[in-house]
Structures are given as C-alpha cells and as structure tokens.
Amino acid sequence: MNRNKWPSGSNAEKSPIFSVIIPTFNQALYIERTLASVFSQTFTDFEVLVVDDGSTDDTVSIIERSGYPVRVLNQANLGPGIARNQGVSKAVGRYVAFLDGDDLWFPWTLKTFHDALVENSECRWAIGKCIEFHEDDELKSVVSSQGLGSSLNQPVPDFLATSRDYFEIYTGEFAILRETLNEVGGYEGGLMNLEDGDLYLRLGDGVRISSIKKPVVFAYRRRSGSTSGNLSYAIEACKRVLERESAGTYPGGGARRLERMRIISRYVRPVAIRALREGALPSAWALYLGLLGGNLRLGRVRFLVAFPVLCFFGLLKSALTRSRSCS
C-alpha cells in the first residue's frame, strides 16, 4: 500500500466503514509495526486515529516519519481509556475498532469484522479471538495457518449470555457500532486496568454480538512493565468493578445478577489469588469479600473454602517472617 495515500474509501467525501483508534504511550519500539499491521489490511475502507497519551519518547516522531496516513491526536498522560474516548470523539466511521500501540492485527482482521457484521446484520458489534505473543516471529505460523479459508461466526444475544463460556476480553479483538459505544459513554477513564471488562459489562444486556470463532483476529503482545501486568492497577480496577456491581451500575437488574457475577468472578478471582501470593493480603481479602455473596449463589465452594485457608497461612507466614527479623 502506498503510505502517502488514504486507504480506499477513507476520504472527506465518504465516511469510512471503520475508524481504527490506537492509543499509545511511550511505544516507540512497537508503534511502526502496529501501524504496518493496520495498513496491511485486505479490507481498506477505514481511517486511523492515533492518540498519543503524553509520550516522552520518540513515539510521535516515529509516527510522523512513517509516512502512514494517520491523524495524530495529543493529550496529557491521562490513561488509555480517556485516549480511546478522545479518538472516538473525532472518529467518523460507522464502526470503531481499537488497537493498542504495541499489539498487532492480521491482514484479515477488518475483513473478518466486516463480514461478521454484514452476515449478522442485527448485531451491533463483532468480537473475535486473540493469540498472545512475545516476539513477532511467533506469529508466522498463525499467518500461514489462519489466513486461509472462510470465517466462522455466530450471533449471541448479548455479552451476559456468554457467562457460562470462557470469553476472552482484549482491546483489539472487537469492532462496535460507534453510536452504540457512545450510548454507554465509551470507556471509563478512571480505570488503568480492566477497562475493557467494564465496557463489556456496561454493554452486557441486549446488545447483540457476532461472535467470531475463527480465524484469530488479534495478537496481544506480552511484555514486562505493561499496565495490564501491574498488580496495584489490577486490584483497584477489580474493586471498582465490584463497587459498580454493588451499586447496580451494570444493566440486567436482579434477573441477570448471576450472569454478571460469573463474569466478574472470572476477572477478579485471579487477581485476588495473585494478590494473596504476592503478599498483598488486605487487598486480597477485600476482593474475596467482594466476591463472597455472588460466589455463594454460584456454589463456588472450592474457592470460598480454600481462599480463607490460604489467607490464614499467608498471615502466619508474614508474622513468622517479622518475628525472625526482630529477633
């Protein structure tokens, strides 16, 4: 693709099908590769908005030198949720799709989203599958094996209806009608983790989904130091989600409470266990108590019994360590 021209269909005379929004913060090592994955799409009716979240490295200059036709928006370091919302506020596409500045799409990603939404015209968003990676070379086998053949997707009544199934939640795996995203107010700016899970829950009742079973549409880069790996961010986000559920913020009411709790437990339990293992016992216990009522209703006996026992031994170990250090 000629880097100096907009993709076909993305011009002032005709609004594109997709607005691709890329928040980025200090991702000079990855941003050009991310943009290359977007501009390698076989479906080309899109615009790209990069929202720089106050980078202090060469991220912006690399974008400008790349020659890719993107709109660059700038803001102070306010977090990815607010950056995504700023991008949405300037977008003109019928649908929006998000990609973080260190992750990658496959050449068929937007076409797969488009085909799924056309095939299931009653659906307002499409959600696909993800693969995690550390180095780009790990994705070569995916490109050779997944990029062939037809896609497989099916309509789902809404996100809460997926509560009994494992449903991955990543930023770059979905495309959604811009109008629908605006109806729920976009991303929660105060969250530095779990912002996608919170958004999915706020969209959870009555928003029909085209669930893409194949091919894989998104590659999530696992790297040390990322926001998603920060335990304190994860704990605060889990507390916020539990508070929102307790306050009745999420849709569905009492009739769908168990569905919400299945999903929320799936987010929160691993963080509670990690906090316990890493010695953040007060936070671990607070998350456990936040899950207690829902897990009692769900009959999660193993978690309910095992967690306090592990917490007790954690406190005992901590006390013994302090005693030895004082002696």
Protein backbone atom coordinates (compact mmCIF):
# COMPACT_ATOMS: atom_id res chain seq x y z
CA MET A 1 0.00 0.00 0.00
CA ASN A 2 1.19 3.49 -0.81
CA ARG A 3 1.90 5.07 2.56
CA ASN A 4 1.20 8.58 1.27
CA LYS A 5 -2.45 7.99 0.36
CA TRP A 6 -5.53 7.23 2.39
CA PRO A 7 -6.94 3.72 2.03
CA SER A 8 -9.72 3.32 -0.49
CA GLY A 9 -12.98 4.79 0.81
CA SER A 10 -11.40 6.87 3.58
CA ASN A 11 -11.79 10.42 2.35
CA ALA A 12 -13.72 13.59 3.02
CA GLU A 13 -16.47 12.72 0.54
CA LYS A 14 -17.41 9.38 2.08
CA SER A 15 -17.24 8.31 5.69
CA PRO A 16 -15.31 5.06 6.13
CA ILE A 17 -16.78 1.85 7.45
CA PHE A 18 -14.24 1.66 10.29
CA SER A 19 -12.42 4.17 12.45
CA VAL A 20 -9.33 2.50 13.86
CA ILE A 21 -8.27 4.13 17.14
CA ILE A 22 -4.80 3.50 18.55
CA PRO A 23 -3.91 4.91 21.99
CA THR A 24 -0.19 4.93 22.63
CA PHE A 25 2.21 5.88 25.41
CA ASN A 26 5.99 5.53 25.08
CA GLN A 27 5.75 2.77 22.48
CA ALA A 28 8.49 3.93 20.12
CA LEU A 29 9.78 0.35 19.87
CA TYR A 30 6.47 -1.01 18.61
CA ILE A 31 4.24 1.66 17.09
CA GLU A 32 5.50 1.43 13.49
CA ARG A 33 5.00 -2.34 13.49
CA THR A 34 1.49 -1.83 14.86
CA LEU A 35 0.68 0.69 12.12
CA ALA A 36 2.11 -1.65 9.49
CA SER A 37 -0.30 -4.37 10.63
CA VAL A 38 -3.23 -1.96 10.22
CA PHE A 39 -2.17 -0.74 6.80
CA SER A 40 -1.70 -4.33 5.63
CA GLN A 41 -5.45 -4.99 5.89
CA THR A 42 -7.14 -6.58 2.89
CA PHE A 43 -10.26 -4.56 3.76
CA THR A 44 -9.26 -0.94 3.21
CA ASP A 45 -12.31 1.21 3.97
CA PHE A 46 -11.00 2.73 7.19
CA GLU A 47 -9.41 5.76 8.83
CA VAL A 48 -6.74 5.67 11.54
CA LEU A 49 -6.51 7.94 14.57
CA VAL A 50 -3.52 7.63 16.89
CA VAL A 51 -3.99 9.24 20.30
CA ASP A 52 -0.67 9.93 21.98
CA ASP A 53 -1.15 9.80 25.74
CA GLY A 54 1.69 12.16 26.69
CA SER A 55 4.62 10.09 25.41
CA THR A 56 8.09 11.23 26.47
CA ASP A 57 9.99 9.08 23.99
CA ASP A 58 10.12 9.22 20.15
CA THR A 59 6.67 7.70 19.59
CA VAL A 60 5.16 10.73 17.83
CA SER A 61 8.18 11.47 15.65
CA ILE A 62 8.30 7.83 14.54
CA ILE A 63 4.62 8.00 13.56
CA GLU A 64 5.22 11.21 11.61
CA ARG A 65 8.26 9.77 9.80
CA SER A 66 6.50 6.51 8.98
CA GLY A 67 4.51 8.06 6.14
CA TYR A 68 1.34 6.24 7.13
CA PRO A 69 -1.79 8.39 6.67
CA VAL A 70 -2.95 8.77 10.24
CA ARG A 71 -4.45 11.58 12.28
CA VAL A 72 -2.40 12.13 15.44
CA LEU A 73 -4.22 13.50 18.48
CA ASN A 74 -2.32 14.56 21.59
CA GLN A 75 -3.23 14.66 25.26
CA ALA A 76 -1.54 14.73 28.65
CA ASN A 77 -0.89 11.36 30.25
CA LEU A 78 -4.48 10.58 31.30
CA GLY A 79 -4.61 6.86 30.59
CA PRO A 80 -5.74 4.62 27.73
CA GLY A 81 -9.48 4.86 28.43
CA ILE A 82 -9.55 8.63 28.03
CA ALA A 83 -7.28 8.36 24.99
CA ARG A 84 -9.70 5.95 23.33
CA ASN A 85 -12.62 8.24 24.13
CA GLN A 86 -10.83 11.19 22.53
CA GLY A 87 -10.29 9.12 19.41
CA VAL A 88 -13.97 8.16 19.31
CA SER A 89 -14.97 11.82 19.65
CA LYS A 90 -13.06 12.63 16.43
CA ALA A 91 -13.96 9.46 14.53
CA VAL A 92 -16.32 9.46 11.55
CA GLY A 93 -16.52 5.73 10.76
CA ARG A 94 -19.72 3.73 11.17
CA TYR A 95 -17.86 1.27 13.40
CA VAL A 96 -14.87 1.78 15.68
CA ALA A 97 -12.14 -0.74 16.37
CA PHE A 98 -9.29 -0.32 18.85
CA LEU A 99 -5.68 -1.47 18.80
CA ASP A 100 -3.07 -0.62 21.42
CA GLY A 101 0.22 0.78 20.20
CA ASP A 102 2.24 -2.38 20.83
CA ASP A 103 -0.23 -5.02 19.60
CA LEU A 104 -0.90 -6.37 16.11
CA TRP A 105 -3.69 -7.25 13.74
CA PHE A 106 -3.59 -9.83 10.98
CA PRO A 107 -4.20 -8.88 7.34
CA TRP A 108 -7.70 -10.36 7.51
CA THR A 109 -8.84 -8.71 10.77
CA LEU A 110 -11.02 -5.86 9.48
CA LYS A 111 -12.43 -8.01 6.68
CA THR A 112 -13.41 -10.63 9.26
CA PHE A 113 -15.11 -7.98 11.40
CA HIS A 114 -16.89 -6.56 8.35
CA ASP A 115 -18.08 -9.93 7.07
CA ALA A 116 -19.35 -10.95 10.51
CA LEU A 117 -21.33 -7.72 10.90
CA VAL A 118 -22.78 -7.95 7.40
CA GLU A 119 -23.73 -11.61 7.80
CA ASN A 120 -25.36 -10.92 11.17
CA SER A 121 -26.87 -7.54 10.38
CA GLU A 122 -28.84 -7.42 13.63
CA CYS A 123 -25.57 -7.42 15.61
CA ARG A 124 -24.06 -4.13 16.73
CA TRP A 125 -20.60 -5.45 17.50
CA ALA A 126 -18.30 -8.28 16.50
CA ILE A 127 -15.86 -9.97 18.86
CA GLY A 128 -13.08 -12.31 17.75
CA LYS A 129 -10.31 -14.47 19.15
CA CYS A 130 -6.87 -13.47 20.38
CA ILE A 131 -3.41 -15.02 20.50
CA GLU A 132 -0.68 -13.87 22.89
CA PHE A 133 2.95 -13.49 21.84
CA HIS A 134 6.29 -12.06 22.95
CA GLU A 135 8.23 -11.81 19.68
CA ASP A 136 6.85 -11.10 16.21
CA ASP A 137 8.35 -14.30 14.76
CA GLU A 138 5.94 -16.33 16.89
CA LEU A 139 3.09 -15.15 14.65
CA LYS A 140 4.43 -16.53 11.37
CA SER A 141 2.70 -19.85 11.85
CA VAL A 142 -0.58 -18.06 12.62
CA VAL A 143 -0.41 -16.09 9.38
CA SER A 144 0.24 -19.21 7.35
CA SER A 145 -2.44 -21.37 9.02
CA GLN A 146 -5.23 -18.96 9.98
CA GLY A 147 -5.38 -16.68 6.99
CA LEU A 148 -6.87 -19.30 4.70
CA GLY A 149 -10.44 -20.49 4.40
CA SER A 150 -13.72 -18.94 5.39
CA SER A 151 -14.50 -17.40 8.75
CA LEU A 152 -16.92 -18.86 11.27
CA ASN A 153 -19.18 -16.64 13.35
CA GLN A 154 -22.49 -16.86 15.13
CA PRO A 155 -24.89 -14.35 16.72
CA VAL A 156 -25.09 -14.16 20.51
CA PRO A 157 -27.97 -12.36 22.30
CA ASP A 158 -25.60 -10.22 24.39
CA PHE A 159 -22.43 -10.35 26.46
CA LEU A 160 -24.12 -11.56 29.65
CA ALA A 161 -25.37 -14.58 27.71
CA THR A 162 -21.73 -15.72 27.43
CA SER A 163 -21.33 -16.04 31.20
CA ARG A 164 -21.09 -19.84 31.18
CA ASP A 165 -18.43 -19.82 28.47
CA TYR A 166 -14.88 -18.56 28.67
CA PHE A 167 -14.93 -15.31 26.72
CA GLU A 168 -11.58 -13.56 26.26
CA ILE A 169 -11.58 -9.79 26.65
CA TYR A 170 -8.91 -7.77 24.86
CA THR A 171 -8.96 -4.27 23.37
CA GLY A 172 -8.00 -5.24 19.84
CA GLU A 173 -10.44 -8.10 19.37
CA PHE A 174 -13.67 -6.24 18.60
CA ALA A 175 -15.40 -3.71 16.36
CA ILE A 176 -18.54 -1.93 17.51
CA LEU A 177 -21.10 0.46 16.09
CA ARG A 178 -19.89 3.93 17.06
CA GLU A 179 -23.40 5.01 18.01
CA THR A 180 -23.72 2.06 20.40
CA LEU A 181 -20.41 2.83 22.07
CA ASN A 182 -21.43 6.46 22.56
CA GLU A 183 -24.74 5.38 24.11
CA VAL A 184 -22.90 3.87 27.10
CA GLY A 185 -20.42 6.74 27.37
CA GLY A 186 -17.35 4.99 25.97
CA TYR A 187 -14.55 3.87 28.26
CA GLU A 188 -14.31 4.53 31.98
CA GLY A 189 -11.44 6.98 32.23
CA GLY A 190 -10.59 6.19 35.84
CA LEU A 191 -9.54 2.59 35.16
CA MET A 192 -5.96 1.69 34.24
CA ASN A 193 -6.82 -1.99 34.03
CA LEU A 194 -9.99 -3.98 33.27
CA GLU A 195 -11.35 -1.06 31.24
CA ASP A 196 -12.45 -3.49 28.53
CA GLY A 197 -14.18 -5.76 31.03
CA ASP A 198 -16.05 -2.79 32.49
CA LEU A 199 -17.11 -1.68 28.99
CA TYR A 200 -18.30 -5.17 28.08
CA LEU A 201 -20.41 -5.29 31.25
CA ARG A 202 -21.97 -1.90 30.54
CA LEU A 203 -22.87 -3.19 27.07
CA GLY A 204 -23.88 -6.53 28.52
CA ASP A 205 -27.66 -6.55 28.28
CA GLY A 206 -29.48 -6.56 24.95
CA VAL A 207 -26.63 -5.58 22.61
CA ARG A 208 -26.42 -8.43 20.10
CA ILE A 209 -22.94 -9.76 19.25
CA SER A 210 -21.48 -11.54 16.25
CA SER A 211 -19.08 -13.96 17.94
CA ILE A 212 -16.19 -14.85 15.62
CA LYS A 213 -14.90 -18.38 16.24
CA LYS A 214 -12.26 -18.30 13.53
CA PRO A 215 -9.88 -17.01 12.34
CA VAL A 216 -7.85 -15.43 15.14
CA VAL A 217 -8.10 -11.66 14.62
CA PHE A 218 -5.75 -10.11 17.17
CA ALA A 219 -2.26 -10.59 18.61
CA TYR A 220 -1.64 -9.34 22.15
CA ARG A 221 1.99 -8.59 22.99
CA ARG A 222 3.02 -9.88 26.41
CA ARG A 223 5.82 -7.71 27.80
CA SER A 224 7.16 -6.80 31.22
CA GLY A 225 6.21 -3.42 32.61
CA SER A 226 2.89 -3.21 30.78
CA THR A 227 -0.13 -1.68 32.53
CA SER A 228 -2.02 -4.95 32.35
CA GLY A 229 0.66 -6.65 34.47
CA ASN A 230 0.60 -4.05 37.25
CA LEU A 231 -0.90 -5.65 40.35
CA SER A 232 -1.92 -2.40 42.07
CA TYR A 233 -3.77 -1.26 38.93
CA ALA A 234 -5.47 -4.66 38.70
CA ILE A 235 -6.57 -4.56 42.34
CA GLU A 236 -8.02 -1.06 42.09
CA ALA A 237 -9.83 -1.94 38.87
CA CYS A 238 -11.34 -5.06 40.42
CA LYS A 239 -12.52 -3.06 43.43
CA ARG A 240 -14.11 -0.52 41.09
CA VAL A 241 -15.94 -3.20 39.11
CA LEU A 242 -17.22 -4.80 42.34
CA GLU A 243 -18.38 -1.39 43.59
CA ARG A 244 -20.21 -0.76 40.33
CA GLU A 245 -21.93 -4.11 40.54
CA SER A 246 -22.93 -3.47 44.16
CA ALA A 247 -24.31 -0.04 43.19
CA GLY A 248 -26.39 -1.50 40.36
CA THR A 249 -24.46 0.33 37.65
CA TYR A 250 -24.37 -2.57 35.21
CA PRO A 251 -27.52 -3.42 33.22
CA GLY A 252 -29.67 -6.50 33.57
CA GLY A 253 -31.02 -5.96 37.08
CA GLY A 254 -31.62 -8.77 39.55
CA ALA A 255 -32.76 -11.15 36.82
CA ARG A 256 -29.24 -11.29 35.38
CA ARG A 257 -27.17 -10.87 38.52
CA LEU A 258 -25.77 -14.40 38.46
CA GLU A 259 -24.64 -13.98 34.87
CA ARG A 260 -22.82 -10.77 35.80
CA MET A 261 -21.25 -12.41 38.84
CA ARG A 262 -19.97 -15.35 36.80
CA ILE A 263 -18.21 -12.88 34.52
CA ILE A 264 -16.98 -10.57 37.29
CA SER A 265 -15.65 -13.55 39.27
CA ARG A 266 -13.71 -14.58 36.21
CA TYR A 267 -11.99 -11.18 36.27
CA VAL A 268 -11.49 -10.82 39.99
CA ARG A 269 -10.57 -14.27 41.33
CA PRO A 270 -7.18 -14.48 39.53
CA VAL A 271 -6.27 -11.01 40.82
CA ALA A 272 -7.31 -11.93 44.38
CA ILE A 273 -5.20 -15.09 44.23
CA ARG A 274 -2.24 -13.18 42.76
CA ALA A 275 -2.54 -10.52 45.49
CA LEU A 276 -2.54 -13.29 48.09
CA ARG A 277 0.54 -14.93 46.63
CA GLU A 278 2.41 -11.62 46.39
CA GLY A 279 1.68 -10.68 49.99
CA ALA A 280 -0.98 -8.00 49.41
CA LEU A 281 -3.21 -9.70 52.00
CA PRO A 282 -5.58 -6.80 52.87
CA SER A 283 -6.35 -6.25 49.19
CA ALA A 284 -6.71 -9.97 48.56
CA TRP A 285 -9.18 -10.27 51.44
CA ALA A 286 -11.16 -7.22 50.27
CA LEU A 287 -11.58 -8.78 46.83
CA TYR A 288 -12.63 -12.08 48.39
CA LEU A 289 -15.32 -10.35 50.46
CA GLY A 290 -16.49 -8.51 47.34
CA LEU A 291 -16.99 -11.86 45.62
CA LEU A 292 -18.48 -13.64 48.63
CA GLY A 293 -22.19 -13.11 48.01
CA GLY A 294 -22.02 -13.88 44.31
CA ASN A 295 -19.89 -16.97 44.77
CA LEU A 296 -22.22 -18.27 47.47
CA ARG A 297 -25.09 -18.02 44.99
CA LEU A 298 -22.96 -19.68 42.32
CA GLY A 299 -21.93 -22.50 44.65
CA ARG A 300 -18.20 -21.91 44.24
CA VAL A 301 -17.38 -23.97 47.33
CA ARG A 302 -13.77 -24.69 46.48
CA PHE A 303 -12.85 -21.01 46.14
CA LEU A 304 -14.92 -19.95 49.15
CA VAL A 305 -13.26 -22.51 51.44
CA ALA A 306 -9.72 -22.54 50.07
CA PHE A 307 -9.14 -18.79 49.93
CA PRO A 308 -9.54 -18.07 53.69
CA VAL A 309 -7.26 -21.02 54.48
CA LEU A 310 -4.59 -19.69 52.11
CA CYS A 311 -5.05 -16.21 53.55
CA PHE A 312 -4.57 -17.55 57.10
CA PHE A 313 -1.32 -19.28 56.13
CA GLY A 314 -0.21 -16.10 54.38
CA LEU A 315 -0.77 -14.10 57.56
CA LEU A 316 1.03 -16.77 59.60
CA LYS A 317 4.00 -16.72 57.24
CA SER A 318 4.13 -12.92 57.37
CA ALA A 319 4.03 -12.95 61.18
CA LEU A 320 6.82 -15.53 61.40
CA THR A 321 8.95 -13.50 59.00
CA ARG A 322 8.50 -10.35 61.10
CA SER A 323 9.29 -12.30 64.27
CA ARG A 324 12.53 -13.65 62.85
CA SER A 325 13.61 -10.24 61.59
CA CYS A 326 13.08 -8.76 65.08
CA SER A 327 14.97 -11.50 66.91
